[in-house]
Amino acid sequence: MTSQHSTVALSDLRVISLPEQKLFDQVSAELTDFKCVLWDLEGEPEGCAREDIDIAVSPYFSGRWMKNPSVVENVKLLQLQSTGYNGVPEKIGPDVALASAGWVHAAGTAEIALGLIIAAQRNLDRAIVQQKEGVYKRFFSRAVADSKVTVVGIGEIGSAVIDRLRPFEVEITRVASSAREDDQGQVRGVDELEQILPETDILVVALPLTEKTDDMFDGAMLAKLPDDALVVNVGRGSLVNTDALTEEVLAGRLRCALDVVDPEPLPGDHPLMSAAGSIVLPHVGGSNVSYRPRVRDLILQQIELIKAGEAPKFLVQPGRLDLDRSGE
C-alpha cells in the first residue's frame, strides 16, 4: 500500500506523548524544546488534541490501544517500549512510522536466558521443589561449561545473551539470517541449521517474529537436535512449534526452558506446565526495573537524532517521515 499523504520533515516533529506519569516527568524535564503531553493511547491526551501529537510512545504493559489502532492514525512516529513489533505494522498501517525499543530489554532478557540455561542444566527447579518440600538431598546434574550452544538471532537480545555466555566456557555458534564474518568471527546462516543442530547441546532462540521465522523450529527441525538437548526460547512463542516441542519433551528426548510460548498465557493444564524437563516462565524477560531508565534514555536519544535531522534508530517502517533528507 502506498502512502496517500505528503512526507513529514523530521524538523517538524515537536510534540511527544508519554503513556505514564513517571516517564512523562522524566522525559519532560529533559526536553525543554519539545512539548510533552500525557497520553496512554486511550481516551484523549492531556493538553492537546490527538492530531497535534507528532511522536507517541506506546504503553508497555497494555496493548488495549491495538483494539482501536485508529487512535494513532495522525501520529507521525509511534515509538514502542517493546522489542517485538509483530502485528503492529498491520494494525497501524503504512503511514505511521514505527520504531521498536531496540536494546532496551536486551540486558533483562539476556539475564532470563542465562538464568533459564543455568536452572535447566543444573536442575535448580528440582532443588527449589525439594526445598519447599523440606527435603535436603544432593544430586548430580548436567553443566553449562563445555556445552555447545547455538544462538539463533544475533540482534540486540541475541548478542546480549552471547556476551553473557562467553565467560561460561562454552562453545558458541552464532546464527543469523545469512552467513557472514564480523568483528567477532564467523556467523552461520539459518540455511545451515540442519547441519548445526545435530551438534547443539543448548539451542537459544532469540529471533524476531516475522513471516519467515514463524514456526521455524517445527517438528522436523527439532528432530535434528540430539537427545537431551535443551531448547531455550526468549524470542517469540510461535518461533517454536509448541505441539512438536511438547511431544519431544513428554517423550523425554528434549528439554525446554521458555520465557515465551504459543499460546500465551499457556493454559495451566498444558502438559509443558508440569512435564519433567520443562521450565515455563510467564514472559518476564523485559519485566524488570532496569527497563524504565533504559526506555527514558532511548526516547531522549531518539529525540536528539530527530533534532539533528537524523533518522531515529530501530525503525521498522518509515511511515511518512522524510528520511531522504535526514543527516543533511
C-alpha atoms as a PDB file:
ATOM      1  CA  MET A   1       0.000   0.000   0.000  1.00  0.00           C
ATOM      2  CA  THR A   2       1.353   3.437  -0.918  1.00  0.00           C
ATOM      3  CA  SER A   3       1.003   6.381   1.422  1.00  0.00           C
ATOM      4  CA  GLN A   4      -1.566   8.930   0.257  1.00  0.00           C
ATOM      5  CA  HIS A   5      -0.146  11.695   2.435  1.00  0.00           C
ATOM      6  CA  SER A   6       2.791  14.012   1.952  1.00  0.00           C
ATOM      7  CA  THR A   7       6.061  13.355   3.711  1.00  0.00           C
ATOM      8  CA  VAL A   8       6.894  14.947   7.052  1.00  0.00           C
ATOM      9  CA  ALA A   9      10.229  16.607   7.754  1.00  0.00           C
ATOM     10  CA  LEU A  10      11.987  15.485  10.926  1.00  0.00           C
ATOM     11  CA  SER A  11      12.351  19.143  11.886  1.00  0.00           C
ATOM     12  CA  ASP A  12       8.554  19.428  12.059  1.00  0.00           C
ATOM     13  CA  LEU A  13       8.270  16.894  14.899  1.00  0.00           C
ATOM     14  CA  ARG A  14       7.772  18.906  18.063  1.00  0.00           C
ATOM     15  CA  VAL A  15       5.089  17.236  20.236  1.00  0.00           C
ATOM     16  CA  ILE A  16       5.607  13.912  22.014  1.00  0.00           C
ATOM     17  CA  SER A  17       3.176  11.961  24.188  1.00  0.00           C
ATOM     18  CA  LEU A  18       4.238   9.715  27.078  1.00  0.00           C
ATOM     19  CA  PRO A  19       1.933   6.960  28.398  1.00  0.00           C
ATOM     20  CA  GLU A  20       2.556   7.223  32.148  1.00  0.00           C
ATOM     21  CA  GLN A  21       3.219   9.970  34.671  1.00  0.00           C
ATOM     22  CA  LYS A  22       6.652   8.816  35.822  1.00  0.00           C
ATOM     23  CA  LEU A  23       8.017   8.566  32.291  1.00  0.00           C
ATOM     24  CA  PHE A  24       6.376  11.892  31.449  1.00  0.00           C
ATOM     25  CA  ASP A  25       8.100  13.568  34.394  1.00  0.00           C
ATOM     26  CA  GLN A  26      11.493  12.106  33.480  1.00  0.00           C
ATOM     27  CA  VAL A  27      11.352  12.953  29.791  1.00  0.00           C
ATOM     28  CA  SER A  28       9.682  16.369  30.050  1.00  0.00           C
ATOM     29  CA  ALA A  29      12.369  17.511  32.482  1.00  0.00           C
ATOM     30  CA  GLU A  30      14.946  16.985  29.725  1.00  0.00           C
ATOM     31  CA  LEU A  31      13.035  18.156  26.651  1.00  0.00           C
ATOM     32  CA  THR A  32      12.710  21.881  27.067  1.00  0.00           C
ATOM     33  CA  ASP A  33      12.270  22.476  23.322  1.00  0.00           C
ATOM     34  CA  PHE A  34       9.643  19.766  22.807  1.00  0.00           C
ATOM     35  CA  LYS A  35       6.063  19.824  24.037  1.00  0.00           C
ATOM     36  CA  CYS A  36       5.376  16.766  26.172  1.00  0.00           C
ATOM     37  CA  VAL A  37       1.840  15.560  26.865  1.00  0.00           C
ATOM     38  CA  LEU A  38       0.446  12.663  28.869  1.00  0.00           C
ATOM     39  CA  TRP A  39      -1.420  10.081  26.789  1.00  0.00           C
ATOM     40  CA  ASP A  40      -1.779   6.315  27.152  1.00  0.00           C
ATOM     41  CA  LEU A  41      -3.301   5.972  23.648  1.00  0.00           C
ATOM     42  CA  GLU A  42      -6.715   5.582  25.242  1.00  0.00           C
ATOM     43  CA  GLY A  43      -9.165   8.422  25.699  1.00  0.00           C
ATOM     44  CA  GLU A  44      -7.808  11.874  24.940  1.00  0.00           C
ATOM     45  CA  PRO A  45      -4.320  13.289  25.603  1.00  0.00           C
ATOM     46  CA  GLU A  46      -3.872  15.941  28.250  1.00  0.00           C
ATOM     47  CA  GLY A  47      -3.086  19.396  26.919  1.00  0.00           C
ATOM     48  CA  CYS A  48      -3.654  18.950  23.185  1.00  0.00           C
ATOM     49  CA  ALA A  49      -5.667  17.145  20.540  1.00  0.00           C
ATOM     50  CA  ARG A  50      -4.675  13.750  19.154  1.00  0.00           C
ATOM     51  CA  GLU A  51      -3.972  15.220  15.719  1.00  0.00           C
ATOM     52  CA  ASP A  52      -1.370  17.571  17.212  1.00  0.00           C
ATOM     53  CA  ILE A  53       0.832  14.750  18.518  1.00  0.00           C
ATOM     54  CA  ASP A  54       3.851  14.008  16.332  1.00  0.00           C
ATOM     55  CA  ILE A  55       5.530  11.238  18.340  1.00  0.00           C
ATOM     56  CA  ALA A  56       3.604   8.836  20.566  1.00  0.00           C
ATOM     57  CA  VAL A  57       5.252   6.407  22.975  1.00  0.00           C
ATOM     58  CA  SER A  58       3.086   3.327  23.434  1.00  0.00           C
ATOM     59  CA  PRO A  59       2.338   1.774  26.841  1.00  0.00           C
ATOM     60  CA  TYR A  60       4.497  -1.211  27.707  1.00  0.00           C
ATOM     61  CA  PHE A  61       2.170  -3.291  29.853  1.00  0.00           C
ATOM     62  CA  SER A  62      -1.077  -2.601  27.989  1.00  0.00           C
ATOM     63  CA  GLY A  63      -1.901  -3.381  24.393  1.00  0.00           C
ATOM     64  CA  ARG A  64      -5.536  -2.332  24.708  1.00  0.00           C
ATOM     65  CA  TRP A  65      -4.944   0.529  22.274  1.00  0.00           C
ATOM     66  CA  MET A  66      -4.330  -2.014  19.489  1.00  0.00           C
ATOM     67  CA  LYS A  67      -8.031  -2.858  19.554  1.00  0.00           C
ATOM     68  CA  ASN A  68      -8.581   0.682  18.273  1.00  0.00           C
ATOM     69  CA  PRO A  69      -5.402   1.475  16.304  1.00  0.00           C
ATOM     70  CA  SER A  70      -7.051   4.460  14.604  1.00  0.00           C
ATOM     71  CA  VAL A  71      -6.089   6.479  17.704  1.00  0.00           C
ATOM     72  CA  VAL A  72      -2.587   6.822  16.228  1.00  0.00           C
ATOM     73  CA  GLU A  73      -3.589   7.458  12.619  1.00  0.00           C
ATOM     74  CA  ASN A  74      -2.367  11.084  12.771  1.00  0.00           C
ATOM     75  CA  VAL A  75       0.823  10.296  14.665  1.00  0.00           C
ATOM     76  CA  LYS A  76       3.986  10.619  12.587  1.00  0.00           C
ATOM     77  CA  LEU A  77       6.125   8.239  14.686  1.00  0.00           C
ATOM     78  CA  LEU A  78       4.995   5.528  17.093  1.00  0.00           C
ATOM     79  CA  GLN A  79       7.759   4.505  19.489  1.00  0.00           C
ATOM     80  CA  LEU A  80       7.213   1.109  21.087  1.00  0.00           C
ATOM     81  CA  GLN A  81       8.503   0.189  24.526  1.00  0.00           C
ATOM     82  CA  SER A  82       8.812  -3.429  23.409  1.00  0.00           C
ATOM     83  CA  THR A  83      11.476  -5.009  21.248  1.00  0.00           C
ATOM     84  CA  GLY A  84       8.927  -7.175  19.444  1.00  0.00           C
ATOM     85  CA  TYR A  85       6.601  -5.496  16.971  1.00  0.00           C
ATOM     86  CA  ASN A  86       4.804  -8.400  15.297  1.00  0.00           C
ATOM     87  CA  GLY A  87       1.271  -7.412  14.286  1.00  0.00           C
ATOM     88  CA  VAL A  88       1.752  -3.686  14.918  1.00  0.00           C
ATOM     89  CA  PRO A  89       2.593  -2.550  11.353  1.00  0.00           C
ATOM     90  CA  GLU A  90      -0.532  -4.267  10.065  1.00  0.00           C
ATOM     91  CA  LYS A  91      -2.637  -2.558  12.733  1.00  0.00           C
ATOM     92  CA  ILE A  92      -1.360   1.000  12.276  1.00  0.00           C
ATOM     93  CA  GLY A  93      -0.922   0.953   8.503  1.00  0.00           C
ATOM     94  CA  PRO A  94       1.984   2.256   6.402  1.00  0.00           C
ATOM     95  CA  ASP A  95       1.556   5.998   7.037  1.00  0.00           C
ATOM     96  CA  VAL A  96       2.752   5.870  10.653  1.00  0.00           C
ATOM     97  CA  ALA A  97       6.498   5.429  11.197  1.00  0.00           C
ATOM     98  CA  LEU A  98       7.223   2.697  13.715  1.00  0.00           C
ATOM     99  CA  ALA A  99      10.294   2.184  15.919  1.00  0.00           C
ATOM    100  CA  SER A 100      10.940  -0.725  18.255  1.00  0.00           C
ATOM    101  CA  ALA A 101      12.670  -0.472  21.629  1.00  0.00           C
ATOM    102  CA  GLY A 102      15.876  -1.986  20.293  1.00  0.00           C
ATOM    103  CA  TRP A 103      18.331  -2.568  23.119  1.00  0.00           C
ATOM    104  CA  VAL A 104      16.000  -1.519  25.963  1.00  0.00           C
ATOM    105  CA  HIS A 105      15.143  -5.090  27.004  1.00  0.00           C
ATOM    106  CA  ALA A 106      18.349  -6.762  25.834  1.00  0.00           C
ATOM    107  CA  ALA A 107      20.020  -6.957  29.247  1.00  0.00           C
ATOM    108  CA  GLY A 108      16.915  -8.115  31.099  1.00  0.00           C
ATOM    109  CA  THR A 109      16.018 -10.744  28.526  1.00  0.00           C
ATOM    110  CA  ALA A 110      19.623 -11.964  28.381  1.00  0.00           C
ATOM    111  CA  GLU A 111      19.558 -12.385  32.165  1.00  0.00           C
ATOM    112  CA  ILE A 112      16.451 -14.538  31.828  1.00  0.00           C
ATOM    113  CA  ALA A 113      18.047 -16.603  29.053  1.00  0.00           C
ATOM    114  CA  LEU A 114      21.140 -17.216  31.129  1.00  0.00           C
ATOM    115  CA  GLY A 115      19.046 -17.982  34.205  1.00  0.00           C
ATOM    116  CA  LEU A 116      16.964 -20.489  32.267  1.00  0.00           C
ATOM    117  CA  ILE A 117      20.086 -22.196  30.934  1.00  0.00           C
ATOM    118  CA  ILE A 118      21.687 -22.466  34.368  1.00  0.00           C
ATOM    119  CA  ALA A 119      18.439 -23.580  36.022  1.00  0.00           C
ATOM    120  CA  ALA A 120      17.805 -26.280  33.433  1.00  0.00           C
ATOM    121  CA  GLN A 121      21.382 -27.558  33.225  1.00  0.00           C
ATOM    122  CA  ARG A 122      21.931 -27.608  36.981  1.00  0.00           C
ATOM    123  CA  ASN A 123      18.385 -28.737  37.917  1.00  0.00           C
ATOM    124  CA  LEU A 124      17.717 -25.696  40.068  1.00  0.00           C
ATOM    125  CA  ASP A 125      13.982 -26.215  39.592  1.00  0.00           C
ATOM    126  CA  ARG A 126      14.342 -29.626  41.248  1.00  0.00           C
ATOM    127  CA  ALA A 127      16.298 -28.118  44.131  1.00  0.00           C
ATOM    128  CA  ILE A 128      13.634 -25.467  44.717  1.00  0.00           C
ATOM    129  CA  VAL A 129      10.861 -28.083  44.781  1.00  0.00           C
ATOM    130  CA  GLN A 130      12.900 -30.155  47.244  1.00  0.00           C
ATOM    131  CA  GLN A 131      13.369 -27.113  49.460  1.00  0.00           C
ATOM    132  CA  LYS A 132       9.640 -26.358  49.509  1.00  0.00           C
ATOM    133  CA  GLU A 133       9.009 -29.975  50.428  1.00  0.00           C
ATOM    134  CA  GLY A 134      11.554 -29.802  53.252  1.00  0.00           C
ATOM    135  CA  VAL A 135      13.915 -32.219  51.515  1.00  0.00           C
ATOM    136  CA  TYR A 136      17.705 -31.795  51.593  1.00  0.00           C
ATOM    137  CA  LYS A 137      19.091 -34.237  49.070  1.00  0.00           C
ATOM    138  CA  ARG A 138      22.134 -33.939  46.830  1.00  0.00           C
ATOM    139  CA  PHE A 139      22.034 -34.813  43.157  1.00  0.00           C
ATOM    140  CA  PHE A 140      24.298 -34.903  40.107  1.00  0.00           C
ATOM    141  CA  SER A 141      23.461 -32.635  37.175  1.00  0.00           C
ATOM    142  CA  ARG A 142      24.445 -31.546  33.714  1.00  0.00           C
ATOM    143  CA  ALA A 143      26.684 -28.477  33.326  1.00  0.00           C
ATOM    144  CA  VAL A 144      26.754 -25.284  31.316  1.00  0.00           C
ATOM    145  CA  ALA A 145      30.539 -25.436  30.929  1.00  0.00           C
ATOM    146  CA  ASP A 146      31.784 -27.359  27.877  1.00  0.00           C
ATOM    147  CA  SER A 147      28.318 -27.252  26.257  1.00  0.00           C
ATOM    148  CA  LYS A 148      27.856 -26.463  22.585  1.00  0.00           C
ATOM    149  CA  VAL A 149      25.457 -23.527  22.473  1.00  0.00           C
ATOM    150  CA  THR A 150      23.758 -22.333  19.294  1.00  0.00           C
ATOM    151  CA  VAL A 151      22.222 -18.857  19.457  1.00  0.00           C
ATOM    152  CA  VAL A 152      19.816 -18.180  16.598  1.00  0.00           C
ATOM    153  CA  GLY A 153      19.278 -14.450  16.199  1.00  0.00           C
ATOM    154  CA  ILE A 154      22.150 -12.062  16.923  1.00  0.00           C
ATOM    155  CA  GLY A 155      20.326  -8.768  17.196  1.00  0.00           C
ATOM    156  CA  GLU A 156      20.303  -6.724  20.396  1.00  0.00           C
ATOM    157  CA  ILE A 157      18.961  -9.558  22.575  1.00  0.00           C
ATOM    158  CA  GLY A 158      20.852 -12.431  20.978  1.00  0.00           C
ATOM    159  CA  SER A 159      24.123 -10.512  21.168  1.00  0.00           C
ATOM    160  CA  ALA A 160      23.485  -9.704  24.835  1.00  0.00           C
ATOM    161  CA  VAL A 161      22.909 -13.423  25.519  1.00  0.00           C
ATOM    162  CA  ILE A 162      26.177 -14.279  23.754  1.00  0.00           C
ATOM    163  CA  ASP A 163      28.137 -11.670  25.724  1.00  0.00           C
ATOM    164  CA  ARG A 164      26.926 -13.190  28.978  1.00  0.00           C
ATOM    165  CA  LEU A 165      27.589 -16.759  27.870  1.00  0.00           C
ATOM    166  CA  ARG A 166      31.228 -16.259  26.888  1.00  0.00           C
ATOM    167  CA  PRO A 167      32.665 -16.480  30.460  1.00  0.00           C
ATOM    168  CA  PHE A 168      30.908 -19.821  30.981  1.00  0.00           C
ATOM    169  CA  GLU A 169      33.446 -21.778  28.947  1.00  0.00           C
ATOM    170  CA  VAL A 170      31.018 -22.858  26.260  1.00  0.00           C
ATOM    171  CA  GLU A 171      31.403 -23.306  22.519  1.00  0.00           C
ATOM    172  CA  ILE A 172      29.113 -20.745  20.859  1.00  0.00           C
ATOM    173  CA  THR A 173      27.752 -20.910  17.329  1.00  0.00           C
ATOM    174  CA  ARG A 174      26.096 -17.703  16.179  1.00  0.00           C
ATOM    175  CA  VAL A 175      23.338 -17.990  13.571  1.00  0.00           C
ATOM    176  CA  ALA A 176      21.670 -15.171  11.634  1.00  0.00           C
ATOM    177  CA  SER A 177      19.537 -14.845   8.521  1.00  0.00           C
ATOM    178  CA  SER A 178      22.625 -15.143   6.322  1.00  0.00           C
ATOM    179  CA  ALA A 179      26.220 -16.259   6.790  1.00  0.00           C
ATOM    180  CA  ARG A 180      28.917 -13.609   7.162  1.00  0.00           C
ATOM    181  CA  GLU A 181      32.027 -12.571   9.045  1.00  0.00           C
ATOM    182  CA  ASP A 182      32.051  -9.749  11.590  1.00  0.00           C
ATOM    183  CA  ASP A 183      34.472  -8.415  14.189  1.00  0.00           C
ATOM    184  CA  GLN A 184      33.666 -11.387  16.454  1.00  0.00           C
ATOM    185  CA  GLY A 185      34.261 -14.008  13.800  1.00  0.00           C
ATOM    186  CA  GLN A 186      32.013 -16.351  11.861  1.00  0.00           C
ATOM    187  CA  VAL A 187      28.232 -16.042  11.699  1.00  0.00           C
ATOM    188  CA  ARG A 188      26.432 -19.044  10.237  1.00  0.00           C
ATOM    189  CA  GLY A 189      23.242 -18.725   8.189  1.00  0.00           C
ATOM    190  CA  VAL A 190      19.853 -20.202   9.072  1.00  0.00           C
ATOM    191  CA  ASP A 191      20.133 -22.327   5.948  1.00  0.00           C
ATOM    192  CA  GLU A 192      22.892 -24.223   7.786  1.00  0.00           C
ATOM    193  CA  LEU A 193      20.740 -25.170  10.787  1.00  0.00           C
ATOM    194  CA  GLU A 194      20.211 -28.707   9.548  1.00  0.00           C
ATOM    195  CA  GLN A 195      23.970 -29.232   9.905  1.00  0.00           C
ATOM    196  CA  ILE A 196      24.363 -27.183  13.096  1.00  0.00           C
ATOM    197  CA  LEU A 197      21.521 -28.587  15.236  1.00  0.00           C
ATOM    198  CA  PRO A 198      22.812 -32.177  15.487  1.00  0.00           C
ATOM    199  CA  GLU A 199      25.924 -30.765  17.198  1.00  0.00           C
ATOM    200  CA  THR A 200      23.975 -28.498  19.581  1.00  0.00           C
ATOM    201  CA  ASP A 201      23.572 -29.146  23.313  1.00  0.00           C
ATOM    202  CA  ILE A 202      21.719 -25.897  24.053  1.00  0.00           C
ATOM    203  CA  LEU A 203      19.628 -24.061  21.466  1.00  0.00           C
ATOM    204  CA  VAL A 204      18.812 -20.423  22.259  1.00  0.00           C
ATOM    205  CA  VAL A 205      16.140 -18.841  20.063  1.00  0.00           C
ATOM    206  CA  ALA A 206      16.287 -15.029  20.086  1.00  0.00           C
ATOM    207  CA  LEU A 207      14.758 -14.121  16.744  1.00  0.00           C
ATOM    208  CA  PRO A 208      12.106 -11.520  15.997  1.00  0.00           C
ATOM    209  CA  LEU A 209       8.812 -12.947  14.758  1.00  0.00           C
ATOM    210  CA  THR A 210       8.251 -12.479  11.022  1.00  0.00           C
ATOM    211  CA  GLU A 211       6.575 -14.436   8.254  1.00  0.00           C
ATOM    212  CA  LYS A 212       9.908 -16.125   7.573  1.00  0.00           C
ATOM    213  CA  THR A 213      10.653 -17.036  11.202  1.00  0.00           C
ATOM    214  CA  ASP A 214       7.156 -18.107  12.294  1.00  0.00           C
ATOM    215  CA  ASP A 215       7.227 -21.848  13.125  1.00  0.00           C
ATOM    216  CA  MET A 216      10.896 -22.015  12.121  1.00  0.00           C
ATOM    217  CA  PHE A 217      11.549 -24.702  14.717  1.00  0.00           C
ATOM    218  CA  ASP A 218       8.906 -27.180  13.719  1.00  0.00           C
ATOM    219  CA  GLY A 219       8.874 -30.917  14.341  1.00  0.00           C
ATOM    220  CA  ALA A 220      11.336 -31.655  11.554  1.00  0.00           C
ATOM    221  CA  MET A 221      13.813 -29.070  12.805  1.00  0.00           C
ATOM    222  CA  LEU A 222      13.523 -30.095  16.453  1.00  0.00           C
ATOM    223  CA  ALA A 223      14.082 -33.705  15.442  1.00  0.00           C
ATOM    224  CA  LYS A 224      17.582 -32.752  14.285  1.00  0.00           C
ATOM    225  CA  LEU A 225      18.640 -31.850  17.835  1.00  0.00           C
ATOM    226  CA  PRO A 226      20.463 -34.613  19.723  1.00  0.00           C
ATOM    227  CA  ASP A 227      18.880 -36.447  22.627  1.00  0.00           C
ATOM    228  CA  ASP A 228      18.744 -34.434  25.872  1.00  0.00           C
ATOM    229  CA  ALA A 229      19.317 -31.091  24.115  1.00  0.00           C
ATOM    230  CA  LEU A 230      17.839 -28.009  25.765  1.00  0.00           C
ATOM    231  CA  VAL A 231      15.584 -25.589  23.835  1.00  0.00           C
ATOM    232  CA  VAL A 232      15.561 -22.045  25.258  1.00  0.00           C
ATOM    233  CA  ASN A 233      13.167 -19.534  23.692  1.00  0.00           C
ATOM    234  CA  VAL A 234      13.400 -15.832  24.587  1.00  0.00           C
ATOM    235  CA  GLY A 235      12.229 -14.516  21.220  1.00  0.00           C
ATOM    236  CA  ARG A 236       8.550 -15.077  20.461  1.00  0.00           C
ATOM    237  CA  GLY A 237       6.451 -18.120  21.277  1.00  0.00           C
ATOM    238  CA  SER A 238       5.477 -19.158  17.771  1.00  0.00           C
ATOM    239  CA  LEU A 239       9.091 -19.331  16.604  1.00  0.00           C
ATOM    240  CA  VAL A 240       8.977 -22.833  18.101  1.00  0.00           C
ATOM    241  CA  ASN A 241       6.111 -25.178  17.324  1.00  0.00           C
ATOM    242  CA  THR A 242       4.560 -25.850  20.728  1.00  0.00           C
ATOM    243  CA  ASP A 243       2.913 -29.146  19.790  1.00  0.00           C
ATOM    244  CA  ALA A 244       6.129 -30.541  18.346  1.00  0.00           C
ATOM    245  CA  LEU A 245       8.179 -29.346  21.307  1.00  0.00           C
ATOM    246  CA  THR A 246       5.648 -30.803  23.757  1.00  0.00           C
ATOM    247  CA  GLU A 247       5.828 -34.179  22.035  1.00  0.00           C
ATOM    248  CA  GLU A 248       9.633 -34.205  22.266  1.00  0.00           C
ATOM    249  CA  VAL A 249       9.671 -33.135  25.931  1.00  0.00           C
ATOM    250  CA  LEU A 250       6.992 -35.617  27.012  1.00  0.00           C
ATOM    251  CA  ALA A 251       8.942 -38.369  25.283  1.00  0.00           C
ATOM    252  CA  GLY A 252      11.955 -37.365  27.373  1.00  0.00           C
ATOM    253  CA  ARG A 253      14.079 -36.736  24.308  1.00  0.00           C
ATOM    254  CA  LEU A 254      14.389 -32.936  24.578  1.00  0.00           C
ATOM    255  CA  ARG A 255      14.134 -30.448  27.407  1.00  0.00           C
ATOM    256  CA  CYS A 256      12.852 -26.872  27.288  1.00  0.00           C
ATOM    257  CA  ALA A 257      13.250 -23.645  29.237  1.00  0.00           C
ATOM    258  CA  LEU A 258      10.903 -20.985  27.897  1.00  0.00           C
ATOM    259  CA  ASP A 259      10.198 -17.347  28.629  1.00  0.00           C
ATOM    260  CA  VAL A 260       7.826 -17.179  25.660  1.00  0.00           C
ATOM    261  CA  VAL A 261       5.436 -19.793  24.355  1.00  0.00           C
ATOM    262  CA  ASP A 262       2.495 -20.090  21.995  1.00  0.00           C
ATOM    263  CA  PRO A 263      -0.196 -19.555  23.125  1.00  0.00           C
ATOM    264  CA  GLU A 264       0.263 -17.020  25.904  1.00  0.00           C
ATOM    265  CA  PRO A 265      -0.818 -17.441  28.567  1.00  0.00           C
ATOM    266  CA  LEU A 266      -0.162 -21.170  28.403  1.00  0.00           C
ATOM    267  CA  PRO A 267      -3.153 -22.984  29.983  1.00  0.00           C
ATOM    268  CA  GLY A 268      -2.470 -24.323  33.443  1.00  0.00           C
ATOM    269  CA  ASP A 269      -3.302 -27.856  32.374  1.00  0.00           C
ATOM    270  CA  HIS A 270      -0.979 -27.786  29.369  1.00  0.00           C
ATOM    271  CA  PRO A 271       1.486 -30.721  29.541  1.00  0.00           C
ATOM    272  CA  LEU A 272       4.531 -28.419  29.413  1.00  0.00           C
ATOM    273  CA  MET A 273       3.463 -26.789  32.676  1.00  0.00           C
ATOM    274  CA  SER A 274       4.110 -29.979  34.642  1.00  0.00           C
ATOM    275  CA  ALA A 275       6.380 -32.065  32.418  1.00  0.00           C
ATOM    276  CA  ALA A 276       9.761 -33.237  33.634  1.00  0.00           C
ATOM    277  CA  GLY A 277      12.461 -31.342  31.786  1.00  0.00           C
ATOM    278  CA  SER A 278      10.278 -28.272  31.237  1.00  0.00           C
ATOM    279  CA  ILE A 279      10.596 -24.780  32.721  1.00  0.00           C
ATOM    280  CA  VAL A 280       7.994 -22.203  31.644  1.00  0.00           C
ATOM    281  CA  LEU A 281       8.178 -18.555  32.710  1.00  0.00           C
ATOM    282  CA  PRO A 282       5.265 -16.134  32.155  1.00  0.00           C
ATOM    283  CA  HIS A 283       7.082 -13.909  29.590  1.00  0.00           C
ATOM    284  CA  VAL A 284       9.029 -11.823  32.098  1.00  0.00           C
ATOM    285  CA  GLY A 285      12.238 -11.193  30.153  1.00  0.00           C
ATOM    286  CA  GLY A 286      11.681  -7.446  29.884  1.00  0.00           C
ATOM    287  CA  SER A 287       9.691  -7.036  33.090  1.00  0.00           C
ATOM    288  CA  ASN A 288      12.259  -5.649  35.490  1.00  0.00           C
ATOM    289  CA  VAL A 289      13.216  -2.312  36.979  1.00  0.00           C
ATOM    290  CA  SER A 290      16.101  -1.718  34.564  1.00  0.00           C
ATOM    291  CA  TYR A 291      13.822  -1.253  31.560  1.00  0.00           C
ATOM    292  CA  ARG A 292      12.353   2.016  32.858  1.00  0.00           C
ATOM    293  CA  PRO A 293      15.531   4.141  32.847  1.00  0.00           C
ATOM    294  CA  ARG A 294      16.521   2.471  29.581  1.00  0.00           C
ATOM    295  CA  VAL A 295      13.245   3.486  27.929  1.00  0.00           C
ATOM    296  CA  ARG A 296      13.832   7.022  29.112  1.00  0.00           C
ATOM    297  CA  ASP A 297      17.347   7.006  27.670  1.00  0.00           C
ATOM    298  CA  LEU A 298      16.144   5.587  24.352  1.00  0.00           C
ATOM    299  CA  ILE A 299      13.428   8.221  23.993  1.00  0.00           C
ATOM    300  CA  LEU A 300      15.883  11.025  24.704  1.00  0.00           C
ATOM    301  CA  GLN A 301      18.364   9.557  22.223  1.00  0.00           C
ATOM    302  CA  GLN A 302      15.671   9.290  19.576  1.00  0.00           C
ATOM    303  CA  ILE A 303      14.711  12.923  20.089  1.00  0.00           C
ATOM    304  CA  GLU A 304      18.342  14.027  19.816  1.00  0.00           C
ATOM    305  CA  LEU A 305      18.630  12.194  16.497  1.00  0.00           C
ATOM    306  CA  ILE A 306      15.434  13.786  15.228  1.00  0.00           C
ATOM    307  CA  LYS A 307      16.576  17.256  16.300  1.00  0.00           C
ATOM    308  CA  ALA A 308      19.824  16.661  14.430  1.00  0.00           C
ATOM    309  CA  GLY A 309      17.851  15.756  11.321  1.00  0.00           C
ATOM    310  CA  GLU A 310      18.798  12.099  11.545  1.00  0.00           C
ATOM    311  CA  ALA A 311      16.539   9.069  11.348  1.00  0.00           C
ATOM    312  CA  PRO A 312      15.574   7.508  14.689  1.00  0.00           C
ATOM    313  CA  LYS A 313      17.026   4.110  15.471  1.00  0.00           C
ATOM    314  CA  PHE A 314      15.272   0.734  15.213  1.00  0.00           C
ATOM    315  CA  LEU A 315      12.818   1.880  12.537  1.00  0.00           C
ATOM    316  CA  VAL A 316      10.521  -0.928  11.486  1.00  0.00           C
ATOM    317  CA  GLN A 317       8.808   1.204   8.859  1.00  0.00           C
ATOM    318  CA  PRO A 318       9.442   4.838   7.835  1.00  0.00           C
ATOM    319  CA  GLY A 319       5.826   5.939   7.509  1.00  0.00           C
ATOM    320  CA  ARG A 320       5.673   9.456   6.135  1.00  0.00           C
ATOM    321  CA  LEU A 321       8.971  10.612   7.617  1.00  0.00           C
ATOM    322  CA  ASP A 322      11.182  12.290   5.045  1.00  0.00           C
ATOM    323  CA  LEU A 323      14.296  10.230   5.652  1.00  0.00           C
ATOM    324  CA  ASP A 324      15.836  11.104   2.297  1.00  0.00           C
ATOM    325  CA  ARG A 325      16.826  14.435   3.805  1.00  0.00           C
ATOM    326  CA  SER A 326      17.977  13.049   7.168  1.00  0.00           C
ATOM    327  CA  GLY A 327      21.558  13.783   8.056  1.00  0.00           C
ATOM    328  CA  GLU A 328      21.832  16.778   5.709  1.00  0.00           C
END
